Amino acid sequence: MQTLTAVAHRGDPYRFRENTIDSLRSALDQGADAVEIDVRLTRDGEPVLLHDETLKRLWEHDRPLRSLSADEVRGLTEGGVPTLVEALAATEGSRVMIDLPGTREARQARRVVDAVREAGAADRVYYCADAVAMLAVRAADPAAEIALTCTSVAPPRPALLAAVKPRWLNYRFSLVNRDLAAQVHHGGHLLSVWTPDTRRSMRRLIDTGVDSITTNRIDALCSLRYTSER
């Protein structure tokens, strides 16, 4: 029987603010196998959980994260933006997918990889993002588990696959059909998708044979998976 990995996108964002400790814990309580988080660096190099370049959308402060120290972020959000170390502690024992939006330099990836290693979480963390970011992660950690994000159905270049060595190929769910699933699996990779939020889409993807679904509706996915496996 196919084993499906249920990944909670930024935690449980329909119940709690995304990328917060409460959101991550709620997702795991709902039955998530893994939580996906977005990690960026503050001005002083602290990895924290934030998808956007600024605090505007979530925290109503139109300040670029890269212009703020970790202490300033903590003050502006009343501690609402956790550090990566805090998030890893809160998800102890569970898988964590780290997305690296905006990572374009090797030193950025290295700082995140080092924080994961220092937290003793390297065996339960894997990374996802585009080719530039994943090449930087591979350079920082030759043993890292990687999900290479693909934005078209065109097969990734063999040279890129050889350099990144991904375990997963990670596609927007609307791109995925049986032919693509067969192509990915024939190439020796696992197939992950993001981010379907309706049961109809989830059911179609499960029938297509994907190995992992990342969703904002982790409760719906876990319920559907339970029903499908009965």
Foldseek 3Di string as FASTA:
>chain_A
DAAAAEEEEQAQCVVPPGQFLVRNVVLVVLPHQEYEFEWDAALVGFTWTDDDQACCPPQNDRDGRNDGDPVRVCVSRVNGIGTPLVNCVSQPPGAYEYEYPPDQDLVNLLSVVVSCVVSVNQVRYAYEDALRSLLSNCVNPVPHAYAHEDEALPDDDPVSCVRNVHQEHEYALVRDALVSCVVQVVVVHAYEYDEDEDLVSLVRVVVSPHRYYYYSCSNSNVVSVVVVVD
